[in-house]
Amino acid sequence: MDDIYNLSDRMIQHRIGLRLKQTRLKQNITQLSLAEEADMSLSSVKKVEKGEVGSFDTLLRVLRMLGLLDVLQPLVDEPQLSPSEYYEMVHSSGARTRKRAVGRFHKTEKEEPSW
């Protein structure tokens, strides 16, 4: 498997289009029925399968219809906080805890011990 960072944008687009076509064929779906289900033109489906995605919306529609939308899940999920980030968030919430007393306690009456 090639490192995706070593591939050109064009090569990545081509491979994605090829993978979408293979998935469509494995699911026994025609280009026309995919286009109808995704509410797009047949020519748009053909372009996507060639790696020529016209818009992100088009790609999302095709991924959704082929059941591949979950490949984008990591981009949609909220990032997890590290333990140190969580600690900072909890302790910087504005609720300060007392570290010492502000004043002195003054008794007005002196109590005598009752022995």
PDB file of N, CA and C in Angstrom:
ATOM      1  N   MET A   1       0.835  -1.178   0.000  1.00  0.00           N
ATOM      2  CA  MET A   1       0.000   0.000   0.000  1.00  0.00           C
ATOM      3  C   MET A   1       0.881   1.242   0.000  1.00  0.00           C
ATOM      4  N   ASP A   2       0.562   2.167  -0.864  1.00  0.00           N
ATOM      5  CA  ASP A   2       1.332   3.398  -0.975  1.00  0.00           C
ATOM      6  C   ASP A   2       0.975   4.359   0.148  1.00  0.00           C
ATOM      7  N   ASP A   3       1.966   5.151   0.537  1.00  0.00           N
ATOM      8  CA  ASP A   3       1.720   6.218   1.499  1.00  0.00           C
ATOM      9  C   ASP A   3       0.953   7.317   0.770  1.00  0.00           C
ATOM     10  N   ILE A   4      -0.198   7.677   1.281  1.00  0.00           N
ATOM     11  CA  ILE A   4      -1.075   8.636   0.595  1.00  0.00           C
ATOM     12  C   ILE A   4      -0.391   9.989   0.408  1.00  0.00           C
ATOM     13  N   TYR A   5       0.544  10.325   1.282  1.00  0.00           N
ATOM     14  CA  TYR A   5       1.233  11.607   1.183  1.00  0.00           C
ATOM     15  C   TYR A   5       2.234  11.648   0.038  1.00  0.00           C
ATOM     16  N   ASN A   6       2.583  10.481  -0.473  1.00  0.00           N
ATOM     17  CA  ASN A   6       3.498  10.420  -1.610  1.00  0.00           C
ATOM     18  C   ASN A   6       2.772  10.428  -2.951  1.00  0.00           C
ATOM     19  N   LEU A   7       1.443  10.331  -2.917  1.00  0.00           N
ATOM     20  CA  LEU A   7       0.661  10.330  -4.147  1.00  0.00           C
ATOM     21  C   LEU A   7       0.260  11.746  -4.525  1.00  0.00           C
ATOM     22  N   SER A   8       0.141  11.990  -5.805  1.00  0.00           N
ATOM     23  CA  SER A   8      -0.332  13.298  -6.269  1.00  0.00           C
ATOM     24  C   SER A   8      -1.842  13.388  -6.022  1.00  0.00           C
ATOM     25  N   ASP A   9      -2.358  14.601  -6.015  1.00  0.00           N
ATOM     26  CA  ASP A   9      -3.794  14.801  -5.830  1.00  0.00           C
ATOM     27  C   ASP A   9      -4.578  14.068  -6.913  1.00  0.00           C
ATOM     28  N   ARG A  10      -4.104  14.147  -8.107  1.00  0.00           N
ATOM     29  CA  ARG A  10      -4.774  13.496  -9.240  1.00  0.00           C
ATOM     30  C   ARG A  10      -4.836  11.976  -9.052  1.00  0.00           C
ATOM     31  N   MET A  11      -3.734  11.411  -8.566  1.00  0.00           N
ATOM     32  CA  MET A  11      -3.686   9.962  -8.342  1.00  0.00           C
ATOM     33  C   MET A  11      -4.641   9.562  -7.216  1.00  0.00           C
ATOM     34  N   ILE A  12      -4.733  10.355  -6.167  1.00  0.00           N
ATOM     35  CA  ILE A  12      -5.674  10.077  -5.071  1.00  0.00           C
ATOM     36  C   ILE A  12      -7.105  10.136  -5.584  1.00  0.00           C
ATOM     37  N   GLN A  13      -7.414  11.150  -6.380  1.00  0.00           N
ATOM     38  CA  GLN A  13      -8.764  11.277  -6.940  1.00  0.00           C
ATOM     39  C   GLN A  13      -9.093  10.080  -7.820  1.00  0.00           C
ATOM     40  N   HIS A  14      -8.138   9.658  -8.631  1.00  0.00           N
ATOM     41  CA  HIS A  14      -8.345   8.509  -9.515  1.00  0.00           C
ATOM     42  C   HIS A  14      -8.627   7.244  -8.700  1.00  0.00           C
ATOM     43  N   ARG A  15      -7.854   7.023  -7.641  1.00  0.00           N
ATOM     44  CA  ARG A  15      -8.037   5.822  -6.824  1.00  0.00           C
ATOM     45  C   ARG A  15      -9.377   5.843  -6.077  1.00  0.00           C
ATOM     46  N   ILE A  16      -9.779   7.009  -5.608  1.00  0.00           N
ATOM     47  CA  ILE A  16     -11.071   7.119  -4.929  1.00  0.00           C
ATOM     48  C   ILE A  16     -12.196   6.802  -5.918  1.00  0.00           C
ATOM     49  N   GLY A  17     -12.116   7.376  -7.107  1.00  0.00           N
ATOM     50  CA  GLY A  17     -13.126   7.098  -8.133  1.00  0.00           C
ATOM     51  C   GLY A  17     -13.189   5.623  -8.470  1.00  0.00           C
ATOM     52  N   LEU A  18     -12.042   4.998  -8.621  1.00  0.00           N
ATOM     53  CA  LEU A  18     -11.981   3.567  -8.923  1.00  0.00           C
ATOM     54  C   LEU A  18     -12.597   2.744  -7.792  1.00  0.00           C
ATOM     55  N   ARG A  19     -12.294   3.109  -6.551  1.00  0.00           N
ATOM     56  CA  ARG A  19     -12.843   2.382  -5.391  1.00  0.00           C
ATOM     57  C   ARG A  19     -14.361   2.534  -5.315  1.00  0.00           C
ATOM     58  N   LEU A  20     -14.864   3.735  -5.627  1.00  0.00           N
ATOM     59  CA  LEU A  20     -16.310   3.952  -5.632  1.00  0.00           C
ATOM     60  C   LEU A  20     -16.983   3.106  -6.706  1.00  0.00           C
ATOM     61  N   LYS A  21     -16.351   3.018  -7.862  1.00  0.00           N
ATOM     62  CA  LYS A  21     -16.900   2.203  -8.950  1.00  0.00           C
ATOM     63  C   LYS A  21     -16.918   0.729  -8.554  1.00  0.00           C
ATOM     64  N   GLN A  22     -15.825   0.247  -7.967  1.00  0.00           N
ATOM     65  CA  GLN A  22     -15.751  -1.151  -7.533  1.00  0.00           C
ATOM     66  C   GLN A  22     -16.829  -1.457  -6.491  1.00  0.00           C
ATOM     67  N   THR A  23     -17.027  -0.541  -5.572  1.00  0.00           N
ATOM     68  CA  THR A  23     -18.054  -0.735  -4.543  1.00  0.00           C
ATOM     69  C   THR A  23     -19.442  -0.778  -5.163  1.00  0.00           C
ATOM     70  N   ARG A  24     -19.695   0.120  -6.103  1.00  0.00           N
ATOM     71  CA  ARG A  24     -20.995   0.142  -6.788  1.00  0.00           C
ATOM     72  C   ARG A  24     -21.246  -1.167  -7.515  1.00  0.00           C
ATOM     73  N   LEU A  25     -20.244  -1.664  -8.204  1.00  0.00           N
ATOM     74  CA  LEU A  25     -20.388  -2.912  -8.947  1.00  0.00           C
ATOM     75  C   LEU A  25     -20.577  -4.112  -8.009  1.00  0.00           C
ATOM     76  N   LYS A  26     -19.862  -4.141  -6.883  1.00  0.00           N
ATOM     77  CA  LYS A  26     -20.031  -5.227  -5.911  1.00  0.00           C
ATOM     78  C   LYS A  26     -21.447  -5.250  -5.356  1.00  0.00           C
ATOM     79  N   GLN A  27     -22.046  -4.069  -5.231  1.00  0.00           N
ATOM     80  CA  GLN A  27     -23.407  -3.969  -4.710  1.00  0.00           C
ATOM     81  C   GLN A  27     -24.447  -4.140  -5.820  1.00  0.00           C
ATOM     82  N   ASN A  28     -23.971  -4.400  -7.052  1.00  0.00           N
ATOM     83  CA  ASN A  28     -24.840  -4.625  -8.210  1.00  0.00           C
ATOM     84  C   ASN A  28     -25.779  -3.433  -8.451  1.00  0.00           C
ATOM     85  N   ILE A  29     -25.205  -2.248  -8.413  1.00  0.00           N
ATOM     86  CA  ILE A  29     -25.961  -1.015  -8.642  1.00  0.00           C
ATOM     87  C   ILE A  29     -25.490  -0.412  -9.965  1.00  0.00           C
ATOM     88  N   THR A  30     -26.430  -0.045 -10.810  1.00  0.00           N
ATOM     89  CA  THR A  30     -26.053   0.602 -12.071  1.00  0.00           C
ATOM     90  C   THR A  30     -25.742   2.071 -11.815  1.00  0.00           C
ATOM     91  N   GLN A  31     -25.026   2.657 -12.743  1.00  0.00           N
ATOM     92  CA  GLN A  31     -24.728   4.086 -12.627  1.00  0.00           C
ATOM     93  C   GLN A  31     -26.012   4.904 -12.643  1.00  0.00           C
ATOM     94  N   LEU A  32     -26.947   4.491 -13.466  1.00  0.00           N
ATOM     95  CA  LEU A  32     -28.207   5.211 -13.577  1.00  0.00           C
ATOM     96  C   LEU A  32     -29.007   5.170 -12.273  1.00  0.00           C
ATOM     97  N   SER A  33     -29.098   3.977 -11.666  1.00  0.00           N
ATOM     98  CA  SER A  33     -29.863   3.889 -10.417  1.00  0.00           C
ATOM     99  C   SER A  33     -29.157   4.638  -9.286  1.00  0.00           C
ATOM    100  N   LEU A  34     -27.819   4.633  -9.273  1.00  0.00           N
ATOM    101  CA  LEU A  34     -27.084   5.417  -8.280  1.00  0.00           C
ATOM    102  C   LEU A  34     -27.365   6.899  -8.477  1.00  0.00           C
ATOM    103  N   ALA A  35     -27.353   7.331  -9.718  1.00  0.00           N
ATOM    104  CA  ALA A  35     -27.631   8.740 -10.014  1.00  0.00           C
ATOM    105  C   ALA A  35     -29.028   9.125  -9.556  1.00  0.00           C
ATOM    106  N   GLU A  36     -29.999   8.268  -9.817  1.00  0.00           N
ATOM    107  CA  GLU A  36     -31.381   8.561  -9.414  1.00  0.00           C
ATOM    108  C   GLU A  36     -31.516   8.592  -7.893  1.00  0.00           C
ATOM    109  N   GLU A  37     -30.928   7.618  -7.213  1.00  0.00           N
ATOM    110  CA  GLU A  37     -31.015   7.555  -5.746  1.00  0.00           C
ATOM    111  C   GLU A  37     -30.292   8.729  -5.077  1.00  0.00           C
ATOM    112  N   ALA A  38     -29.199   9.152  -5.674  1.00  0.00           N
ATOM    113  CA  ALA A  38     -28.415  10.254  -5.112  1.00  0.00           C
ATOM    114  C   ALA A  38     -28.917  11.613  -5.579  1.00  0.00           C
ATOM    115  N   ASP A  39     -29.961  11.603  -6.420  1.00  0.00           N
ATOM    116  CA  ASP A  39     -30.542  12.850  -6.950  1.00  0.00           C
ATOM    117  C   ASP A  39     -29.487  13.689  -7.669  1.00  0.00           C
ATOM    118  N   MET A  40     -28.824  13.026  -8.611  1.00  0.00           N
ATOM    119  CA  MET A  40     -27.803  13.696  -9.415  1.00  0.00           C
ATOM    120  C   MET A  40     -27.843  13.145 -10.826  1.00  0.00           C
ATOM    121  N   SER A  41     -27.096  13.764 -11.705  1.00  0.00           N
ATOM    122  CA  SER A  41     -27.119  13.338 -13.109  1.00  0.00           C
ATOM    123  C   SER A  41     -26.214  12.122 -13.328  1.00  0.00           C
ATOM    124  N   LEU A  42     -26.508  11.388 -14.371  1.00  0.00           N
ATOM    125  CA  LEU A  42     -25.697  10.235 -14.746  1.00  0.00           C
ATOM    126  C   LEU A  42     -24.275  10.665 -15.077  1.00  0.00           C
ATOM    127  N   SER A  43     -24.151  11.799 -15.741  1.00  0.00           N
ATOM    128  CA  SER A  43     -22.801  12.278 -16.092  1.00  0.00           C
ATOM    129  C   SER A  43     -21.985  12.610 -14.836  1.00  0.00           C
ATOM    130  N   SER A  44     -22.645  13.063 -13.770  1.00  0.00           N
ATOM    131  CA  SER A  44     -21.932  13.346 -12.517  1.00  0.00           C
ATOM    132  C   SER A  44     -21.392  12.064 -11.900  1.00  0.00           C
ATOM    133  N   VAL A  45     -22.181  10.999 -11.944  1.00  0.00           N
ATOM    134  CA  VAL A  45     -21.720   9.709 -11.418  1.00  0.00           C
ATOM    135  C   VAL A  45     -20.527   9.221 -12.225  1.00  0.00           C
ATOM    136  N   LYS A  46     -20.607   9.340 -13.533  1.00  0.00           N
ATOM    137  CA  LYS A  46     -19.495   8.910 -14.384  1.00  0.00           C
ATOM    138  C   LYS A  46     -18.232   9.709 -14.084  1.00  0.00           C
ATOM    139  N   LYS A  47     -18.382  11.010 -13.866  1.00  0.00           N
ATOM    140  CA  LYS A  47     -17.225  11.856 -13.547  1.00  0.00           C
ATOM    141  C   LYS A  47     -16.614  11.458 -12.200  1.00  0.00           C
ATOM    142  N   VAL A  48     -17.470  11.201 -11.220  1.00  0.00           N
ATOM    143  CA  VAL A  48     -16.966  10.804  -9.897  1.00  0.00           C
ATOM    144  C   VAL A  48     -16.156   9.523 -10.014  1.00  0.00           C
ATOM    145  N   GLU A  49     -16.646   8.580 -10.781  1.00  0.00           N
ATOM    146  CA  GLU A  49     -15.945   7.312 -10.940  1.00  0.00           C
ATOM    147  C   GLU A  49     -14.637   7.460 -11.720  1.00  0.00           C
ATOM    148  N   LYS A  50     -14.493   8.547 -12.445  1.00  0.00           N
ATOM    149  CA  LYS A  50     -13.226   8.844 -13.134  1.00  0.00           C
ATOM    150  C   LYS A  50     -12.288   9.646 -12.228  1.00  0.00           C
ATOM    151  N   GLY A  51     -12.785  10.016 -11.054  1.00  0.00           N
ATOM    152  CA  GLY A  51     -11.971  10.811 -10.141  1.00  0.00           C
ATOM    153  C   GLY A  51     -12.130  12.295 -10.354  1.00  0.00           C
ATOM    154  N   GLU A  52     -13.177  12.676 -11.030  1.00  0.00           N
ATOM    155  CA  GLU A  52     -13.436  14.089 -11.304  1.00  0.00           C
ATOM    156  C   GLU A  52     -14.635  14.563 -10.484  1.00  0.00           C
ATOM    157  N   VAL A  53     -14.426  14.732  -9.195  1.00  0.00           N
ATOM    158  CA  VAL A  53     -15.512  15.147  -8.310  1.00  0.00           C
ATOM    159  C   VAL A  53     -15.718  16.645  -8.479  1.00  0.00           C
ATOM    160  N   GLY A  54     -16.932  17.017  -8.893  1.00  0.00           N
ATOM    161  CA  GLY A  54     -17.231  18.423  -9.131  1.00  0.00           C
ATOM    162  C   GLY A  54     -17.412  19.220  -7.855  1.00  0.00           C
ATOM    163  N   SER A  55     -18.017  18.586  -6.851  1.00  0.00           N
ATOM    164  CA  SER A  55     -18.233  19.295  -5.588  1.00  0.00           C
ATOM    165  C   SER A  55     -18.215  18.289  -4.440  1.00  0.00           C
ATOM    166  N   PHE A  56     -18.008  18.811  -3.266  1.00  0.00           N
ATOM    167  CA  PHE A  56     -17.987  17.968  -2.075  1.00  0.00           C
ATOM    168  C   PHE A  56     -19.368  17.358  -1.844  1.00  0.00           C
ATOM    169  N   ASP A  57     -20.397  18.120  -2.153  1.00  0.00           N
ATOM    170  CA  ASP A  57     -21.772  17.646  -2.028  1.00  0.00           C
ATOM    171  C   ASP A  57     -21.991  16.397  -2.880  1.00  0.00           C
ATOM    172  N   THR A  58     -21.463  16.398  -4.074  1.00  0.00           N
ATOM    173  CA  THR A  58     -21.584  15.248  -4.975  1.00  0.00           C
ATOM    174  C   THR A  58     -20.918  14.020  -4.360  1.00  0.00           C
ATOM    175  N   LEU A  59     -19.723  14.204  -3.825  1.00  0.00           N
ATOM    176  CA  LEU A  59     -19.010  13.093  -3.196  1.00  0.00           C
ATOM    177  C   LEU A  59     -19.794  12.564  -1.996  1.00  0.00           C
ATOM    178  N   LEU A  60     -20.343  13.447  -1.187  1.00  0.00           N
ATOM    179  CA  LEU A  60     -21.126  13.021  -0.030  1.00  0.00           C
ATOM    180  C   LEU A  60     -22.338  12.200  -0.437  1.00  0.00           C
ATOM    181  N   ARG A  61     -23.009  12.620  -1.488  1.00  0.00           N
ATOM    182  CA  ARG A  61     -24.191  11.888  -1.961  1.00  0.00           C
ATOM    183  C   ARG A  61     -23.827  10.473  -2.410  1.00  0.00           C
ATOM    184  N   VAL A  62     -22.738  10.359  -3.147  1.00  0.00           N
ATOM    185  CA  VAL A  62     -22.318   9.038  -3.637  1.00  0.00           C
ATOM    186  C   VAL A  62     -21.886   8.158  -2.459  1.00  0.00           C
ATOM    187  N   LEU A  63     -21.110   8.717  -1.537  1.00  0.00           N
ATOM    188  CA  LEU A  63     -20.685   7.945  -0.366  1.00  0.00           C
ATOM    189  C   LEU A  63     -21.886   7.467   0.445  1.00  0.00           C
ATOM    190  N   ARG A  64     -22.860   8.333   0.623  1.00  0.00           N
ATOM    191  CA  ARG A  64     -24.064   7.972   1.389  1.00  0.00           C
ATOM    192  C   ARG A  64     -24.823   6.826   0.710  1.00  0.00           C
ATOM    193  N   MET A  65     -25.007   6.909  -0.591  1.00  0.00           N
ATOM    194  CA  MET A  65     -25.776   5.887  -1.314  1.00  0.00           C
ATOM    195  C   MET A  65     -25.051   4.546  -1.340  1.00  0.00           C
ATOM    196  N   LEU A  66     -23.723   4.561  -1.326  1.00  0.00           N
ATOM    197  CA  LEU A  66     -22.956   3.318  -1.353  1.00  0.00           C
ATOM    198  C   LEU A  66     -22.666   2.787   0.048  1.00  0.00           C
ATOM    199  N   GLY A  67     -23.113   3.509   1.065  1.00  0.00           N
ATOM    200  CA  GLY A  67     -22.876   3.061   2.445  1.00  0.00           C
ATOM    201  C   GLY A  67     -21.454   3.268   2.903  1.00  0.00           C
ATOM    202  N   LEU A  68     -20.766   4.247   2.330  1.00  0.00           N
ATOM    203  CA  LEU A  68     -19.364   4.499   2.669  1.00  0.00           C
ATOM    204  C   LEU A  68     -19.160   5.806   3.431  1.00  0.00           C
ATOM    205  N   LEU A  69     -20.233   6.396   3.879  1.00  0.00           N
ATOM    206  CA  LEU A  69     -20.143   7.697   4.551  1.00  0.00           C
ATOM    207  C   LEU A  69     -19.326   7.620   5.844  1.00  0.00           C
ATOM    208  N   ASP A  70     -19.249   6.428   6.434  1.00  0.00           N
ATOM    209  CA  ASP A  70     -18.518   6.277   7.687  1.00  0.00           C
ATOM    210  C   ASP A  70     -17.009   6.508   7.556  1.00  0.00           C
ATOM    211  N   VAL A  71     -16.479   6.549   6.338  1.00  0.00           N
ATOM    212  CA  VAL A  71     -15.056   6.842   6.182  1.00  0.00           C
ATOM    213  C   VAL A  71     -14.739   8.279   6.608  1.00  0.00           C
ATOM    214  N   LEU A  72     -15.774   9.110   6.664  1.00  0.00           N
ATOM    215  CA  LEU A  72     -15.588  10.506   7.078  1.00  0.00           C
ATOM    216  C   LEU A  72     -15.843  10.708   8.567  1.00  0.00           C
ATOM    217  N   GLN A  73     -16.186   9.642   9.281  1.00  0.00           N
ATOM    218  CA  GLN A  73     -16.521   9.750  10.704  1.00  0.00           C
ATOM    219  C   GLN A  73     -15.436  10.444  11.536  1.00  0.00           C
ATOM    220  N   PRO A  74     -14.152  10.139  11.349  1.00  0.00           N
ATOM    221  CA  PRO A  74     -13.130  10.817  12.156  1.00  0.00           C
ATOM    222  C   PRO A  74     -13.112  12.341  11.952  1.00  0.00           C
ATOM    223  N   LEU A  75     -13.567  12.792  10.798  1.00  0.00           N
ATOM    224  CA  LEU A  75     -13.591  14.233  10.546  1.00  0.00           C
ATOM    225  C   LEU A  75     -14.800  14.908  11.182  1.00  0.00           C
ATOM    226  N   VAL A  76     -15.819  14.123  11.501  1.00  0.00           N
ATOM    227  CA  VAL A  76     -17.057  14.662  12.055  1.00  0.00           C
ATOM    228  C   VAL A  76     -17.064  14.597  13.582  1.00  0.00           C
ATOM    229  N   ASP A  77     -16.411  13.584  14.161  1.00  0.00           N
ATOM    230  CA  ASP A  77     -16.399  13.408  15.613  1.00  0.00           C
ATOM    231  C   ASP A  77     -15.697  14.563  16.316  1.00  0.00           C
ATOM    232  N   GLU A  78     -16.169  14.848  17.528  1.00  0.00           N
ATOM    233  CA  GLU A  78     -15.500  15.831  18.373  1.00  0.00           C
ATOM    234  C   GLU A  78     -14.174  15.238  18.831  1.00  0.00           C
ATOM    235  N   PRO A  79     -13.134  16.041  18.852  1.00  0.00           N
ATOM    236  CA  PRO A  79     -11.840  15.492  19.289  1.00  0.00           C
ATOM    237  C   PRO A  79     -11.862  15.159  20.780  1.00  0.00           C
ATOM    238  N   GLN A  80     -11.146  14.107  21.143  1.00  0.00           N
ATOM    239  CA  GLN A  80     -11.036  13.699  22.538  1.00  0.00           C
ATOM    240  C   GLN A  80     -10.031  14.599  23.252  1.00  0.00           C
ATOM    241  N   LEU A  81     -10.345  14.950  24.481  1.00  0.00           N
ATOM    242  CA  LEU A  81      -9.422  15.750  25.276  1.00  0.00           C
ATOM    243  C   LEU A  81      -8.373  14.849  25.900  1.00  0.00           C
ATOM    244  N   SER A  82      -7.138  15.326  25.906  1.00  0.00           N
ATOM    245  CA  SER A  82      -6.095  14.593  26.606  1.00  0.00           C
ATOM    246  C   SER A  82      -6.302  14.807  28.106  1.00  0.00           C
ATOM    247  N   PRO A  83      -5.710  13.984  28.950  1.00  0.00           N
ATOM    248  CA  PRO A  83      -5.875  14.181  30.394  1.00  0.00           C
ATOM    249  C   PRO A  83      -5.445  15.573  30.861  1.00  0.00           C
ATOM    250  N   SER A  84      -4.384  16.089  30.299  1.00  0.00           N
ATOM    251  CA  SER A  84      -3.936  17.421  30.716  1.00  0.00           C
ATOM    252  C   SER A  84      -4.903  18.504  30.231  1.00  0.00           C
ATOM    253  N   GLU A  85      -5.465  18.343  29.040  1.00  0.00           N
ATOM    254  CA  GLU A  85      -6.459  19.307  28.551  1.00  0.00           C
ATOM    255  C   GLU A  85      -7.723  19.265  29.397  1.00  0.00           C
ATOM    256  N   TYR A  86      -8.127  18.061  29.811  1.00  0.00           N
ATOM    257  CA  TYR A  86      -9.305  17.917  30.662  1.00  0.00           C
ATOM    258  C   TYR A  86      -9.065  18.576  32.016  1.00  0.00           C
ATOM    259  N   TYR A  87      -7.893  18.349  32.592  1.00  0.00           N
ATOM    260  CA  TYR A  87      -7.536  18.953  33.878  1.00  0.00           C
ATOM    261  C   TYR A  87      -7.586  20.475  33.789  1.00  0.00           C
ATOM    262  N   GLU A  88      -7.004  21.019  32.730  1.00  0.00           N
ATOM    263  CA  GLU A  88      -7.017  22.473  32.535  1.00  0.00           C
ATOM    264  C   GLU A  88      -8.435  22.996  32.393  1.00  0.00           C
ATOM    265  N   MET A  89      -9.272  22.290  31.655  1.00  0.00           N
ATOM    266  CA  MET A  89     -10.641  22.725  31.462  1.00  0.00           C
ATOM    267  C   MET A  89     -11.402  22.737  32.787  1.00  0.00           C
ATOM    268  N   VAL A  90     -11.251  21.691  33.578  1.00  0.00           N
ATOM    269  CA  VAL A  90     -11.960  21.596  34.850  1.00  0.00           C
ATOM    270  C   VAL A  90     -11.482  22.656  35.827  1.00  0.00           C
ATOM    271  N   HIS A  91     -10.186  22.880  35.863  1.00  0.00           N
ATOM    272  CA  HIS A  91      -9.636  23.802  36.853  1.00  0.00           C
ATOM    273  C   HIS A  91      -9.636  25.259  36.403  1.00  0.00           C
ATOM    274  N   SER A  92      -9.946  25.512  35.176  1.00  0.00           N
ATOM    275  CA  SER A  92     -10.019  26.904  34.727  1.00  0.00           C
ATOM    276  C   SER A  92     -11.465  27.318  34.475  1.00  0.00           C
ATOM    277  N   SER A  93     -12.394  26.601  35.080  1.00  0.00           N
ATOM    278  CA  SER A  93     -13.813  26.880  34.828  1.00  0.00           C
ATOM    279  C   SER A  93     -14.292  28.143  35.521  1.00  0.00           C
ATOM    280  N   GLY A  94     -13.439  28.817  36.235  1.00  0.00           N
ATOM    281  CA  GLY A  94     -13.834  30.060  36.888  1.00  0.00           C
ATOM    282  C   GLY A  94     -14.246  29.858  38.323  1.00  0.00           C
ATOM    283  N   ALA A  95     -14.548  28.658  38.715  1.00  0.00           N
ATOM    284  CA  ALA A  95     -14.913  28.392  40.099  1.00  0.00           C
ATOM    285  C   ALA A  95     -13.625  28.197  40.895  1.00  0.00           C
ATOM    286  N   ARG A  96     -13.231  29.243  41.562  1.00  0.00           N
ATOM    287  CA  ARG A  96     -11.986  29.184  42.313  1.00  0.00           C
ATOM    288  C   ARG A  96     -12.246  28.599  43.691  1.00  0.00           C
ATOM    289  N   THR A  97     -11.362  27.778  44.133  1.00  0.00           N
ATOM    290  CA  THR A  97     -11.475  27.223  45.474  1.00  0.00           C
ATOM    291  C   THR A  97     -10.645  28.068  46.425  1.00  0.00           C
ATOM    292  N   ARG A  98     -11.105  28.162  47.668  1.00  0.00           N
ATOM    293  CA  ARG A  98     -10.400  28.966  48.668  1.00  0.00           C
ATOM    294  C   ARG A  98      -9.090  28.292  49.039  1.00  0.00           C
ATOM    295  N   LYS A  99      -8.087  29.092  49.143  1.00  0.00           N
ATOM    296  CA  LYS A  99      -6.777  28.600  49.546  1.00  0.00           C
ATOM    297  C   LYS A  99      -6.487  28.997  51.006  1.00  0.00           C
ATOM    298  N   ARG A 100      -7.092  30.115  51.453  1.00  0.00           N
ATOM    299  CA  ARG A 100      -6.908  30.562  52.838  1.00  0.00           C
ATOM    300  C   ARG A 100      -8.055  31.477  53.228  1.00  0.00           C
ATOM    301  N   ALA A 101      -8.167  31.742  54.494  1.00  0.00           N
ATOM    302  CA  ALA A 101      -9.215  32.624  55.000  1.00  0.00           C
ATOM    303  C   ALA A 101      -8.849  34.070  54.726  1.00  0.00           C
ATOM    304  N   VAL A 102      -9.875  34.882  54.565  1.00  0.00           N
ATOM    305  CA  VAL A 102      -9.648  36.292  54.260  1.00  0.00           C
ATOM    306  C   VAL A 102      -9.438  37.120  55.520  1.00  0.00           C
ATOM    307  N   GLY A 103     -10.243  36.889  56.499  1.00  0.00           N
ATOM    308  CA  GLY A 103     -10.147  37.707  57.713  1.00  0.00           C
ATOM    309  C   GLY A 103     -10.011  36.842  58.947  1.00  0.00           C
ATOM    310  N   ARG A 104     -10.107  37.529  60.112  1.00  0.00           N
ATOM    311  CA  ARG A 104     -10.025  36.802  61.373  1.00  0.00           C
ATOM    312  C   ARG A 104     -11.398  36.670  61.972  1.00  0.00           C
ATOM    313  N   PHE A 105     -11.543  35.645  62.755  1.00  0.00           N
ATOM    314  CA  PHE A 105     -12.792  35.412  63.440  1.00  0.00           C
ATOM    315  C   PHE A 105     -12.747  36.194  64.745  1.00  0.00           C
ATOM    316  N   HIS A 106     -13.724  37.060  64.964  1.00  0.00           N
ATOM    317  CA  HIS A 106     -13.769  37.878  66.176  1.00  0.00           C
ATOM    318  C   HIS A 106     -14.899  37.405  67.055  1.00  0.00           C
ATOM    319  N   LYS A 107     -14.561  36.979  68.275  1.00  0.00           N
ATOM    320  CA  LYS A 107     -15.577  36.604  69.237  1.00  0.00           C
ATOM    321  C   LYS A 107     -15.946  37.835  70.035  1.00  0.00           C
ATOM    322  N   THR A 108     -17.215  38.017  70.201  1.00  0.00           N
ATOM    323  CA  THR A 108     -17.645  39.170  70.992  1.00  0.00           C
ATOM    324  C   THR A 108     -17.629  38.867  72.477  1.00  0.00           C
ATOM    325  N   GLU A 109     -17.929  37.673  72.887  1.00  0.00           N
ATOM    326  CA  GLU A 109     -17.923  37.286  74.285  1.00  0.00           C
ATOM    327  C   GLU A 109     -16.848  36.243  74.509  1.00  0.00           C
ATOM    328  N   LYS A 110     -16.210  36.355  75.616  1.00  0.00           N
ATOM    329  CA  LYS A 110     -15.223  35.357  75.989  1.00  0.00           C
ATOM    330  C   LYS A 110     -15.921  34.276  76.780  1.00  0.00           C
ATOM    331  N   GLU A 111     -15.792  33.072  76.355  1.00  0.00           N
ATOM    332  CA  GLU A 111     -16.422  31.977  77.070  1.00  0.00           C
ATOM    333  C   GLU A 111     -15.495  31.459  78.146  1.00  0.00           C
ATOM    334  N   GLU A 112     -16.079  31.173  79.291  1.00  0.00           N
ATOM    335  CA  GLU A 112     -15.341  30.573  80.393  1.00  0.00           C
ATOM    336  C   GLU A 112     -15.489  29.068  80.302  1.00  0.00           C
ATOM    337  N   PRO A 113     -14.412  28.365  80.473  1.00  0.00           N
ATOM    338  CA  PRO A 113     -14.537  26.901  80.456  1.00  0.00           C
ATOM    339  C   PRO A 113     -15.397  26.420  81.609  1.00  0.00           C
ATOM    340  N   SER A 114     -16.249  25.480  81.386  1.00  0.00           N
ATOM    341  CA  SER A 114     -17.119  24.933  82.412  1.00  0.00           C
ATOM    342  C   SER A 114     -16.613  23.564  82.852  1.00  0.00           C
ATOM    343  N   TRP A 115     -15.762  23.640  83.909  1.00  0.00           N
ATOM    344  CA  TRP A 115     -15.182  22.401  84.403  1.00  0.00           C
ATOM    345  C   TRP A 115     -15.822  22.025  85.647  1.00  0.00           C
TER     346      TRP A 115
END
